[in-house]
N, C-alpha and C. Protein backbone atom coordinates (compact mmCIF):
# COMPACT_ATOMS: atom_id res chain seq x y z
N MET A 1 1.00 -1.04 0.10
CA MET A 1 0.29 -0.34 -0.14
C MET A 1 1.23 1.05 0.30
N GLY A 2 1.73 1.37 0.86
CA GLY A 2 3.06 2.45 0.86
C GLY A 2 3.76 2.65 -0.55
N GLN A 3 3.78 1.52 -1.16
CA GLN A 3 4.27 1.60 -2.62
C GLN A 3 3.22 2.55 -3.60
N LEU A 4 2.25 1.79 -3.25
CA LEU A 4 1.18 2.77 -4.34
C LEU A 4 0.89 4.21 -3.76
N ILE A 5 1.08 4.46 -2.93
CA ILE A 5 0.75 5.71 -2.41
C ILE A 5 2.01 6.83 -2.95
N ARG A 6 3.10 5.97 -2.69
CA ARG A 6 4.17 6.75 -3.39
C ARG A 6 4.05 7.27 -4.78
N VAL A 7 3.71 6.05 -5.34
CA VAL A 7 3.46 5.91 -7.02
C VAL A 7 2.46 7.06 -7.38
N ALA A 8 1.35 7.06 -6.64
CA ALA A 8 0.15 8.02 -6.69
C ALA A 8 0.74 9.33 -6.69
N ILE A 9 1.33 9.82 -5.69
CA ILE A 9 1.92 11.28 -5.40
C ILE A 9 3.19 11.78 -6.53
N VAL A 10 4.02 10.67 -6.98
CA VAL A 10 4.77 11.05 -8.21
C VAL A 10 4.01 11.38 -9.43
N LEU A 11 2.96 10.33 -9.50
CA LEU A 11 2.07 10.61 -10.94
C LEU A 11 1.47 11.84 -10.92
N ALA A 12 0.83 12.21 -9.77
CA ALA A 12 0.30 13.58 -9.54
C ALA A 12 0.84 14.41 -9.62
N VAL A 13 2.02 14.47 -9.36
CA VAL A 13 3.24 15.65 -9.28
C VAL A 13 3.73 15.88 -10.82
N GLY A 14 4.10 14.54 -11.26
CA GLY A 14 4.13 14.43 -12.87
C GLY A 14 3.04 15.32 -13.72
N LEU A 15 2.14 15.07 -13.56
CA LEU A 15 0.88 15.21 -14.31
C LEU A 15 0.64 16.72 -14.15
N VAL A 16 0.66 17.18 -13.36
CA VAL A 16 0.64 18.80 -12.95
C VAL A 16 1.68 19.62 -13.73
N MET A 17 2.92 19.11 -13.43
CA MET A 17 4.07 19.60 -14.52
C MET A 17 3.67 19.11 -15.60
N LEU A 18 3.37 18.37 -16.00
CA LEU A 18 3.33 18.17 -17.66
C LEU A 18 1.81 19.18 -18.28
N LEU A 19 0.86 19.21 -17.66
CA LEU A 19 -0.12 20.05 -17.63
C LEU A 19 0.31 21.98 -17.70
N ALA A 20 1.28 22.01 -16.62
CA ALA A 20 1.72 23.39 -16.58
C ALA A 20 2.76 23.69 -17.90
N VAL A 21 3.62 22.52 -18.55
CA VAL A 21 4.15 23.00 -19.63
C VAL A 21 3.31 23.24 -20.99
N LEU A 22 2.42 22.07 -21.02
CA LEU A 22 1.43 21.98 -21.93
C LEU A 22 0.46 23.03 -21.87
N LEU A 23 -0.37 23.02 -21.05
CA LEU A 23 -1.18 24.44 -20.91
C LEU A 23 -0.89 25.52 -20.07
N PRO A 24 -0.22 26.37 -20.41
CA PRO A 24 0.15 27.51 -19.67
C PRO A 24 -0.73 28.44 -18.98
N LEU A 25 -1.52 27.58 -18.32
CA LEU A 25 -2.78 28.48 -17.24
C LEU A 25 -2.34 29.00 -16.40
N PRO A 26 -2.86 30.43 -15.85
CA PRO A 26 -2.37 31.22 -14.66
C PRO A 26 -2.67 30.37 -13.30
N VAL A 27 -3.81 29.46 -13.61
CA VAL A 27 -3.87 28.74 -12.35
C VAL A 27 -2.75 27.94 -12.14
N LEU A 28 -2.33 27.40 -12.55
CA LEU A 28 -1.19 26.32 -12.51
C LEU A 28 0.31 26.72 -12.29
N GLN A 29 0.63 28.22 -12.83
CA GLN A 29 1.87 28.53 -12.44
C GLN A 29 2.45 28.47 -10.55
N PRO A 30 1.19 29.01 -9.68
CA PRO A 30 1.84 28.72 -8.44
C PRO A 30 1.97 27.50 -8.12
N VAL A 31 1.69 26.53 -8.50
CA VAL A 31 1.65 24.98 -8.17
C VAL A 31 3.22 24.43 -8.98
N GLN A 32 3.38 25.11 -10.34
CA GLN A 32 4.64 24.44 -10.82
C GLN A 32 5.54 25.41 -9.98
N TRP A 33 5.91 26.50 -10.07
CA TRP A 33 6.61 26.93 -8.98
C TRP A 33 6.84 26.45 -7.71
N ALA A 34 6.33 25.97 -7.16
CA ALA A 34 6.12 25.32 -5.81
C ALA A 34 6.74 23.89 -5.70
N PHE A 35 6.51 23.40 -6.69
CA PHE A 35 6.89 22.06 -7.44
C PHE A 35 8.49 22.05 -7.76
N ALA A 36 8.78 22.81 -8.23
CA ALA A 36 9.86 23.64 -8.91
C ALA A 36 11.14 23.60 -7.61
N SER A 37 10.45 24.40 -7.25
CA SER A 37 11.26 24.97 -5.47
C SER A 37 11.63 23.76 -4.72
N TRP A 38 10.78 23.09 -4.35
CA TRP A 38 10.69 21.74 -3.82
C TRP A 38 11.90 20.78 -4.59
N ALA A 39 11.60 20.88 -5.86
CA ALA A 39 13.00 19.84 -6.48
C ALA A 39 14.26 20.35 -6.36
N ALA A 40 14.39 22.11 -6.01
CA ALA A 40 15.32 22.38 -6.39
C ALA A 40 16.27 22.08 -4.94
N VAL A 41 15.26 22.15 -3.68
CA VAL A 41 15.86 22.07 -2.68
C VAL A 41 16.20 20.33 -2.34
N ILE A 42 15.35 19.71 -3.03
CA ILE A 42 15.63 18.09 -3.09
C ILE A 42 17.24 17.86 -3.84
N TYR A 43 17.16 18.33 -4.94
CA TYR A 43 18.17 18.42 -6.01
C TYR A 43 19.55 18.35 -5.37
N ALA A 44 19.73 19.58 -4.76
CA ALA A 44 20.76 20.40 -3.73
C ALA A 44 21.15 19.34 -2.66
N ALA A 45 19.77 18.63 -1.74
CA ALA A 45 20.31 17.67 -0.67
C ALA A 45 21.03 16.28 -1.57
N PHE A 46 20.32 15.99 -2.78
CA PHE A 46 20.97 14.90 -3.40
C PHE A 46 22.33 15.42 -3.44
N PHE A 47 22.75 16.22 -4.02
CA PHE A 47 24.21 16.62 -4.43
C PHE A 47 24.79 16.29 -3.38
N VAL A 48 24.54 16.79 -1.87
CA VAL A 48 25.43 16.78 -0.31
C VAL A 48 25.52 15.60 -0.15
N LEU A 49 24.12 14.76 -0.53
CA LEU A 49 24.69 13.21 -0.15
C LEU A 49 25.30 12.79 -0.99
N GLY A 50 25.22 12.96 -2.12
CA GLY A 50 26.28 12.41 -3.25
C GLY A 50 27.74 12.78 -2.94
N GLY A 51 28.21 13.96 -2.87
CA GLY A 51 29.29 14.06 -2.41
C GLY A 51 29.60 13.76 -1.30
N TRP A 52 29.09 13.57 -0.21
CA TRP A 52 29.49 12.86 0.78
C TRP A 52 29.88 11.55 0.90
N ASP A 53 28.88 10.82 -0.05
CA ASP A 53 28.79 9.67 -0.02
C ASP A 53 30.39 9.25 -1.23
N MET A 54 30.59 9.96 -2.07
CA MET A 54 31.80 9.95 -2.77
C MET A 54 33.39 10.18 -2.01
N LEU A 55 32.91 11.12 -0.85
CA LEU A 55 34.07 11.43 0.02
C LEU A 55 34.48 10.22 0.65
N ARG A 56 33.68 9.70 1.45
CA ARG A 56 33.45 8.37 2.10
C ARG A 56 34.12 7.00 1.59
N GLN A 57 33.79 6.98 0.29
CA GLN A 57 34.05 5.90 -0.38
C GLN A 57 35.73 6.00 -0.78
N ASN A 58 36.25 7.45 -0.88
CA ASN A 58 37.26 7.49 -1.36
C ASN A 58 38.36 7.24 -0.19
N LEU A 59 37.52 7.87 1.19
CA LEU A 59 38.49 7.67 2.12
C LEU A 59 38.68 6.05 2.68
N ARG A 60 37.49 5.36 2.43
CA ARG A 60 37.70 4.31 2.87
C ARG A 60 38.62 3.30 1.65
N ALA A 61 38.84 3.47 0.38
CA ALA A 61 39.44 2.68 -0.52
C ALA A 61 40.86 2.96 -0.07
N ARG A 62 41.78 2.29 -0.38
CA ARG A 62 43.15 1.87 -0.37
C ARG A 62 44.00 1.92 -1.86
N ASP A 63 43.27 1.75 -2.96
CA ASP A 63 44.00 1.93 -4.00
C ASP A 63 44.03 2.91 -4.75
N ASN A 64 44.96 3.50 -5.36
CA ASN A 64 45.38 4.52 -5.98
C ASN A 64 45.21 5.75 -5.20
N PRO A 65 46.49 5.80 -3.84
CA PRO A 65 46.10 6.93 -3.32
C PRO A 65 46.18 8.02 -3.73
N LEU A 66 47.10 8.40 -4.61
CA LEU A 66 47.57 9.61 -5.19
C LEU A 66 46.18 10.65 -5.79
N ALA A 67 45.43 9.59 -6.33
CA ALA A 67 44.28 10.17 -7.49
C ALA A 67 43.57 10.59 -6.09
N ARG A 68 42.90 9.40 -5.22
CA ARG A 68 42.02 9.57 -4.21
C ARG A 68 42.36 11.02 -3.05
N GLY A 69 43.78 11.29 -3.26
CA GLY A 69 44.17 12.36 -1.66
C GLY A 69 43.89 13.64 -2.60
N VAL A 70 44.18 13.69 -4.13
CA VAL A 70 44.09 14.98 -4.68
C VAL A 70 42.21 15.15 -5.09
N PHE A 71 41.44 14.08 -5.21
CA PHE A 71 39.90 14.40 -4.97
C PHE A 71 39.52 14.58 -3.77
N ILE A 72 40.30 14.37 -2.71
CA ILE A 72 39.73 14.28 -1.34
C ILE A 72 40.14 16.19 -0.98
N VAL A 73 41.23 16.37 -1.49
CA VAL A 73 41.64 17.80 -1.16
C VAL A 73 40.88 18.88 -1.60
N ALA A 74 40.57 18.41 -3.25
CA ALA A 74 40.12 19.25 -3.92
C ALA A 74 38.57 19.30 -3.59
N PHE A 75 37.97 17.98 -3.03
CA PHE A 75 36.60 18.47 -2.58
C PHE A 75 36.62 19.05 -1.34
N VAL A 76 37.75 18.97 -0.44
CA VAL A 76 37.41 19.63 0.91
C VAL A 76 37.35 21.27 0.72
N VAL A 77 38.45 21.78 -0.19
CA VAL A 77 38.80 23.16 -0.44
C VAL A 77 37.48 23.73 -1.21
N ALA A 78 37.22 23.16 -1.85
CA ALA A 78 35.71 23.85 -2.94
C ALA A 78 34.91 24.02 -1.96
N PHE A 79 34.40 22.57 -1.28
CA PHE A 79 33.16 22.71 -0.71
C PHE A 79 33.54 23.89 0.28
N GLY A 80 34.46 23.96 1.41
CA GLY A 80 35.02 24.92 2.44
C GLY A 80 34.48 26.19 1.73
N VAL A 81 35.39 26.99 0.57
CA VAL A 81 35.07 27.71 0.07
C VAL A 81 34.18 28.47 -0.32
N VAL A 82 33.21 27.61 -0.74
CA VAL A 82 31.54 27.82 -1.08
C VAL A 82 30.93 28.13 0.23
N MET A 83 30.97 27.16 0.64
CA MET A 83 30.29 27.40 1.91
C MET A 83 30.79 28.94 3.08
N LEU A 84 31.50 29.17 3.15
CA LEU A 84 32.38 30.02 3.56
C LEU A 84 32.20 31.41 3.04
N GLN A 85 32.20 31.44 1.81
CA GLN A 85 31.91 32.90 0.87
C GLN A 85 30.50 32.94 0.11
N GLY A 86 30.21 31.85 0.08
CA GLY A 86 28.80 31.67 -1.14
C GLY A 86 29.38 31.39 -2.54
N PRO A 87 28.24 31.44 -3.16
CA PRO A 87 28.60 31.21 -4.82
C PRO A 87 28.82 32.42 -5.27
N ASP A 88 28.94 33.63 -4.94
CA ASP A 88 29.75 34.91 -5.55
C ASP A 88 30.88 35.44 -4.71
N GLY A 89 31.77 34.58 -4.02
CA GLY A 89 32.48 35.09 -3.15
C GLY A 89 33.80 35.34 -4.12
N GLY A 90 34.87 35.80 -3.95
CA GLY A 90 36.17 36.32 -4.88
C GLY A 90 36.65 34.59 -5.18
N ALA A 91 37.08 33.87 -3.92
CA ALA A 91 37.87 32.67 -4.13
C ALA A 91 36.74 31.40 -4.99
N THR A 92 35.36 31.62 -4.72
CA THR A 92 34.82 30.98 -5.51
C THR A 92 34.51 31.22 -6.99
N ARG A 93 34.78 32.71 -6.80
CA ARG A 93 34.63 32.96 -8.72
C ARG A 93 36.14 32.73 -9.19
N TRP A 94 37.15 32.82 -8.71
CA TRP A 94 38.37 32.15 -8.86
C TRP A 94 38.56 30.89 -9.22
N LEU A 95 38.04 30.30 -8.38
CA LEU A 95 37.68 28.36 -8.64
C LEU A 95 37.14 28.24 -9.76
N ARG A 96 35.98 28.84 -10.03
CA ARG A 96 34.92 28.49 -10.94
C ARG A 96 35.69 28.92 -12.40
N THR A 97 36.32 30.21 -12.49
CA THR A 97 37.25 30.63 -13.82
C THR A 97 38.58 29.71 -14.00
N TYR A 98 38.94 29.67 -13.16
CA TYR A 98 40.49 29.06 -13.32
C TYR A 98 40.69 27.18 -13.18
N VAL A 99 39.58 26.80 -12.43
CA VAL A 99 39.74 25.40 -12.18
C VAL A 99 38.34 24.71 -13.10
N LEU A 100 37.72 25.22 -12.56
CA LEU A 100 36.32 24.49 -13.26
C LEU A 100 36.06 24.39 -14.02
N GLU A 101 35.90 25.89 -15.06
CA GLU A 101 35.91 25.88 -16.56
C GLU A 101 36.69 25.45 -17.39
N PRO A 102 38.18 25.49 -17.01
CA PRO A 102 39.18 24.85 -17.77
C PRO A 102 38.73 23.31 -17.59
N VAL A 103 38.59 22.82 -16.69
CA VAL A 103 38.21 21.33 -16.88
C VAL A 103 37.13 20.59 -17.50
N ALA A 104 36.02 21.66 -17.08
CA ALA A 104 34.89 20.90 -17.97
C ALA A 104 35.11 21.64 -19.74
N ILE A 105 35.57 22.61 -20.07
CA ILE A 105 36.10 22.44 -21.40
C ILE A 105 36.80 21.55 -21.77
N SER A 106 37.86 20.92 -21.07
CA SER A 106 38.82 19.88 -21.80
C SER A 106 37.69 19.14 -21.48
N LEU A 107 37.19 18.60 -21.00
CA LEU A 107 36.08 17.47 -20.91
C LEU A 107 35.18 17.67 -22.09
N LEU A 108 34.76 18.36 -22.68
CA LEU A 108 33.76 18.50 -23.52
C LEU A 108 34.77 18.42 -24.87
N GLY A 109 35.92 18.61 -24.78
CA GLY A 109 36.71 18.50 -25.95
C GLY A 109 36.87 17.28 -26.32
N LEU A 110 37.17 16.38 -25.13
CA LEU A 110 37.68 14.78 -24.85
C LEU A 110 36.29 14.40 -25.74
N ILE A 111 34.90 14.74 -25.19
CA ILE A 111 33.79 14.52 -25.40
C ILE A 111 33.54 14.28 -27.52
N ALA A 112 34.35 15.43 -27.46
CA ALA A 112 33.82 15.54 -28.95
C ALA A 112 34.83 14.85 -29.83
N VAL A 113 36.22 14.61 -29.65
CA VAL A 113 36.80 13.69 -29.95
C VAL A 113 36.38 12.57 -29.84
N VAL A 114 35.51 11.72 -28.94
CA VAL A 114 35.24 10.16 -28.68
C VAL A 114 34.00 10.29 -29.49
N LEU A 115 33.05 11.38 -29.68
CA LEU A 115 31.80 11.15 -30.70
C LEU A 115 32.36 10.87 -31.93
N THR A 116 33.45 11.68 -32.60
CA THR A 116 33.65 11.71 -33.89
C THR A 116 34.28 10.17 -34.06
N TYR A 117 35.10 10.05 -32.97
CA TYR A 117 35.70 8.25 -33.38
C TYR A 117 34.55 7.49 -33.36
N ARG A 118 33.52 7.53 -32.41
CA ARG A 118 32.91 6.67 -32.18
C ARG A 118 31.40 6.44 -33.56
N ALA A 119 31.53 7.85 -34.36
CA ALA A 119 30.70 8.07 -35.34
C ALA A 119 31.32 7.26 -36.59
N THR A 120 32.76 7.60 -36.72
CA THR A 120 33.21 6.87 -37.57
C THR A 120 33.02 5.21 -37.55
N GLN A 121 33.08 4.49 -36.45
CA GLN A 121 32.93 3.46 -35.94
C GLN A 121 31.65 2.74 -36.44
N VAL A 122 30.69 3.55 -36.18
CA VAL A 122 29.20 3.51 -36.19
C VAL A 122 29.14 3.19 -37.92
N LEU A 123 29.77 4.24 -38.39
CA LEU A 123 29.20 4.21 -40.04
C LEU A 123 30.12 3.10 -40.38
N VAL A 124 31.31 2.38 -40.12
CA VAL A 124 31.79 1.29 -40.84
C VAL A 124 31.33 0.04 -40.58
N ARG A 125 30.34 0.01 -39.16
CA ARG A 125 30.17 -1.04 -38.59
C ARG A 125 29.06 -1.54 -39.23
N GLU A 126 27.59 -0.25 -39.21
CA GLU A 126 26.46 -0.10 -39.83
C GLU A 126 26.16 0.99 -40.83
N PRO A 127 26.61 0.75 -42.04
CA PRO A 127 26.21 2.04 -42.78
C PRO A 127 24.88 2.30 -43.16
N SER A 128 23.87 2.52 -42.24
CA SER A 128 22.35 2.51 -42.50
C SER A 128 22.14 4.34 -42.50
N PRO A 129 21.06 4.72 -42.61
CA PRO A 129 20.73 5.83 -42.76
C PRO A 129 20.66 6.27 -41.55
N LEU A 130 20.39 5.71 -40.46
CA LEU A 130 20.67 6.83 -39.16
C LEU A 130 22.06 6.63 -38.52
N ALA A 131 22.96 5.93 -38.81
CA ALA A 131 24.38 5.75 -38.85
C ALA A 131 24.60 7.26 -39.87
N TRP A 132 24.52 7.35 -40.98
CA TRP A 132 24.63 8.54 -41.62
C TRP A 132 24.19 9.66 -41.45
N SER A 133 22.79 9.73 -40.48
CA SER A 133 22.24 10.94 -40.07
C SER A 133 23.49 11.27 -38.64
N PHE A 134 23.75 10.33 -38.04
CA PHE A 134 24.37 10.73 -36.90
C PHE A 134 25.89 11.32 -36.95
N VAL A 135 26.71 10.65 -38.12
CA VAL A 135 27.97 10.88 -38.60
C VAL A 135 27.53 12.48 -38.93
N VAL A 136 26.55 12.64 -39.87
CA VAL A 136 26.67 13.88 -40.83
C VAL A 136 26.43 15.47 -39.66
N GLY A 137 25.86 14.50 -38.56
CA GLY A 137 25.26 15.68 -37.46
C GLY A 137 26.37 16.06 -36.25
N VAL A 138 27.14 15.12 -36.27
CA VAL A 138 28.52 14.94 -35.09
C VAL A 138 29.49 16.17 -36.04
N PHE A 139 29.80 15.63 -37.57
CA PHE A 139 30.63 16.90 -38.26
C PHE A 139 30.33 17.96 -38.62
N LEU A 140 28.82 17.96 -38.82
CA LEU A 140 28.34 19.21 -39.00
C LEU A 140 28.22 20.44 -37.75
N PHE A 141 27.82 19.80 -36.68
CA PHE A 141 28.21 20.78 -35.26
C PHE A 141 29.56 20.90 -34.95
N LEU A 142 30.34 20.05 -34.95
CA LEU A 142 31.86 20.34 -35.06
C LEU A 142 32.37 21.34 -35.80
N SER A 143 31.99 21.09 -37.20
CA SER A 143 32.45 21.68 -38.08
C SER A 143 32.08 23.27 -37.55
N LEU A 144 30.52 23.86 -37.34
CA LEU A 144 30.06 24.81 -37.29
C LEU A 144 30.69 25.58 -35.58
N ASP A 145 31.26 24.61 -34.78
CA ASP A 145 31.46 25.23 -33.63
C ASP A 145 32.93 25.68 -33.89
N ILE A 146 33.40 25.21 -34.71
CA ILE A 146 35.34 25.25 -35.13
C ILE A 146 35.36 26.72 -36.01
N ALA A 147 34.20 26.58 -37.17
CA ALA A 147 34.09 28.15 -37.52
C ALA A 147 33.29 29.29 -36.37
N ARG A 148 32.50 28.86 -35.78
CA ARG A 148 32.27 29.99 -34.98
C ARG A 148 33.20 30.40 -33.96
N GLY A 149 34.17 29.40 -33.53
CA GLY A 149 35.24 29.82 -32.59
C GLY A 149 35.89 30.95 -33.24
N PHE A 150 36.05 30.67 -34.90
CA PHE A 150 37.25 31.88 -35.93
C PHE A 150 36.29 33.07 -35.85
N GLY A 151 34.98 33.03 -35.10
CA GLY A 151 34.22 34.35 -35.33
C GLY A 151 33.66 34.63 -36.64
N LEU A 152 33.26 33.41 -37.20
CA LEU A 152 32.48 33.80 -38.56
C LEU A 152 30.79 33.63 -38.07
N SER A 153 30.28 35.03 -38.81
CA SER A 153 28.97 35.52 -38.53
C SER A 153 27.82 34.29 -39.28
N VAL A 154 28.45 33.71 -40.13
CA VAL A 154 27.56 32.95 -40.92
C VAL A 154 27.32 31.70 -40.20
N ALA A 155 28.28 31.02 -39.94
CA ALA A 155 28.54 29.71 -38.87
C ALA A 155 27.85 29.93 -37.98
N GLN A 156 27.81 31.23 -37.01
CA GLN A 156 27.31 31.26 -35.69
C GLN A 156 25.75 31.40 -36.15
N GLN A 157 25.18 31.96 -37.07
CA GLN A 157 23.88 31.86 -37.69
C GLN A 157 23.17 30.58 -37.86
N ALA A 158 24.06 29.61 -38.55
CA ALA A 158 23.62 28.31 -38.90
C ALA A 158 23.41 27.90 -38.05
N ALA A 159 24.32 27.65 -36.52
CA ALA A 159 24.45 27.13 -35.63
C ALA A 159 23.21 27.40 -34.68
N TRP A 160 22.80 28.83 -34.28
CA TRP A 160 21.53 29.14 -34.05
C TRP A 160 20.35 28.57 -34.82
N THR A 161 20.32 28.39 -35.86
CA THR A 161 19.37 28.19 -36.69
C THR A 161 18.94 26.58 -36.29
N LEU A 162 19.99 25.76 -36.30
CA LEU A 162 20.29 24.32 -36.15
C LEU A 162 19.53 23.91 -34.76
N GLN A 163 19.89 24.99 -33.92
CA GLN A 163 19.57 24.76 -32.63
C GLN A 163 18.06 24.87 -32.27
N ARG A 164 17.52 25.85 -32.83
CA ARG A 164 16.01 26.52 -32.89
C ARG A 164 15.56 25.41 -33.38
N THR A 165 15.69 24.97 -34.68
CA THR A 165 14.77 24.39 -35.64
C THR A 165 14.79 22.81 -35.67
N VAL A 166 16.19 22.24 -35.20
CA VAL A 166 16.41 20.80 -34.99
C VAL A 166 16.64 20.21 -33.50
N VAL A 167 17.39 20.95 -33.01
CA VAL A 167 17.77 20.19 -31.25
C VAL A 167 17.02 20.82 -30.67
N SER A 168 16.31 21.83 -30.43
CA SER A 168 15.28 22.37 -29.27
C SER A 168 13.91 21.62 -29.38
N PRO A 169 13.41 21.49 -30.26
CA PRO A 169 12.36 20.40 -31.07
C PRO A 169 12.58 19.17 -30.79
N ALA A 170 13.65 18.46 -30.97
CA ALA A 170 13.96 17.02 -30.69
C ALA A 170 13.94 16.88 -29.05
N LEU A 171 14.80 17.86 -28.36
CA LEU A 171 14.88 17.64 -26.97
C LEU A 171 13.68 17.83 -26.49
N ARG A 172 12.88 18.76 -26.97
CA ARG A 172 11.39 18.69 -26.39
C ARG A 172 10.55 17.73 -26.59
N GLY A 173 10.70 16.76 -27.78
CA GLY A 173 9.93 15.82 -27.97
C GLY A 173 10.44 14.54 -27.26
N LEU A 174 11.99 14.36 -26.92
CA LEU A 174 12.46 13.32 -26.09
C LEU A 174 11.91 13.82 -24.45
N MET A 175 11.55 15.04 -24.17
CA MET A 175 11.14 15.09 -22.93
C MET A 175 9.69 14.80 -22.63
N LEU A 176 9.20 15.02 -23.55
CA LEU A 176 7.53 15.15 -23.38
C LEU A 176 7.38 13.09 -23.62
N GLY A 177 8.38 12.70 -24.53
CA GLY A 177 7.89 11.06 -24.77
C GLY A 177 8.05 10.32 -23.39
N LEU A 178 9.33 11.21 -22.62
CA LEU A 178 9.73 10.75 -21.21
C LEU A 178 8.59 10.87 -20.09
N SER A 179 8.09 12.07 -20.57
CA SER A 179 7.20 12.53 -19.26
C SER A 179 5.66 11.48 -19.50
N LEU A 180 5.33 11.30 -20.90
CA LEU A 180 4.36 10.26 -20.76
C LEU A 180 4.47 8.83 -20.98
N GLY A 181 5.56 8.30 -20.60
CA GLY A 181 5.93 6.99 -20.71
C GLY A 181 6.48 6.91 -19.17
N LEU A 182 6.64 7.78 -18.15
CA LEU A 182 6.51 7.94 -16.75
C LEU A 182 5.25 7.55 -16.47
N ILE A 183 4.38 8.56 -17.08
CA ILE A 183 2.87 8.81 -16.37
C ILE A 183 2.21 7.17 -16.84
N THR A 184 2.72 6.67 -18.01
CA THR A 184 1.79 5.40 -18.11
C THR A 184 2.21 4.50 -17.37
N ALA A 185 3.38 4.31 -16.98
CA ALA A 185 4.12 3.29 -16.35
C ALA A 185 3.42 3.58 -14.80
N GLY A 186 3.17 4.79 -14.39
CA GLY A 186 2.87 5.26 -12.87
C GLY A 186 1.03 4.68 -12.87
N LEU A 187 0.45 4.91 -14.21
CA LEU A 187 -1.27 4.35 -14.25
C LEU A 187 -1.24 2.94 -14.32
N ARG A 188 -0.30 2.15 -15.22
CA ARG A 188 -0.08 0.59 -15.24
C ARG A 188 0.19 0.18 -13.62
N ILE A 189 1.00 0.78 -12.66
CA ILE A 189 1.37 0.19 -11.35
C ILE A 189 0.07 0.40 -10.52
N LEU A 190 -0.53 1.52 -10.82
CA LEU A 190 -2.04 1.98 -9.91
C LEU A 190 -3.10 0.94 -10.43
N LEU A 191 -3.02 0.87 -11.54
CA LEU A 191 -4.15 0.11 -12.00
C LEU A 191 -3.71 -1.76 -11.79
N GLY A 192 -2.78 -1.84 -11.57
CA GLY A 192 -2.20 -3.31 -11.00
C GLY A 192 -1.99 -4.14 -12.31
N ALA A 193 -1.82 -3.54 -13.41
CA ALA A 193 -1.26 -4.16 -14.44
C ALA A 193 0.28 -4.68 -14.72
N ASP A 194 1.05 -3.80 -13.90
CA ASP A 194 2.08 -3.93 -13.59
C ASP A 194 2.53 -3.87 -12.00
N ARG A 195 3.28 -4.71 -11.36
CA ARG A 195 3.28 -4.91 -9.96
C ARG A 195 5.21 -4.56 -9.60
N PRO A 196 5.83 -3.60 -9.82
CA PRO A 196 7.21 -4.46 -9.64
C PRO A 196 7.43 -4.11 -7.99
N TYR A 197 6.87 -3.56 -7.32
CA TYR A 197 6.95 -3.08 -6.03
C TYR A 197 6.76 -4.68 -5.13
N GLN A 198 6.18 -5.74 -5.78
CA GLN A 198 6.30 -6.97 -4.96
C GLN A 198 7.37 -7.57 -4.89
N ASP A 199 8.49 -7.39 -6.22
CA ASP A 199 9.97 -8.01 -5.76
C ASP A 199 10.63 -7.36 -4.90
N LEU A 200 10.06 -6.15 -3.90
CA LEU A 200 11.02 -5.40 -2.92
C LEU A 200 10.47 -5.92 -1.57
N SER A 201 9.47 -6.88 -1.79
CA SER A 201 8.99 -7.11 -0.61
C SER A 201 9.90 -8.48 0.19
């Protein structure tokens, strides 16, 4: 019974949020804002718990002490600086500008290289129309980003047009499909068609 109540609560919140997105009625905006605020608090709590669990696991482990020591020191310093100065403090901005952003940019560059390599592998193994569309999309967006880095206004306009006409609608469709799938799964659980909670007892 408790599992069904939890599923019903999640399903109700999901339906309200979906209706607030599809039907932007004034009566739904306060409820949407309240749910979004609660979700932000829960999200922050999950980040704190996840960080604490990562720190605890690194303190317990014995292999690769150098890498784990670097992680522990970086975690404690960054967390302490943000807690003492807040997100807009001078040291926080320095960490974000000279540590976090360069690392994030390096990781994004690495992801671009991995995507390009995987795209060529997919095209060699399965030269299907879907594989061709994936390869063309990867190389097209990489080329536009490189050209935009050189200050070409045509590339910037083309990237913005693709973002507005292709990427954003596709992401909205994926999010709506995911929302409808979750709602359908919740309804099937409430109606008794699926009973995954029985495996937990």
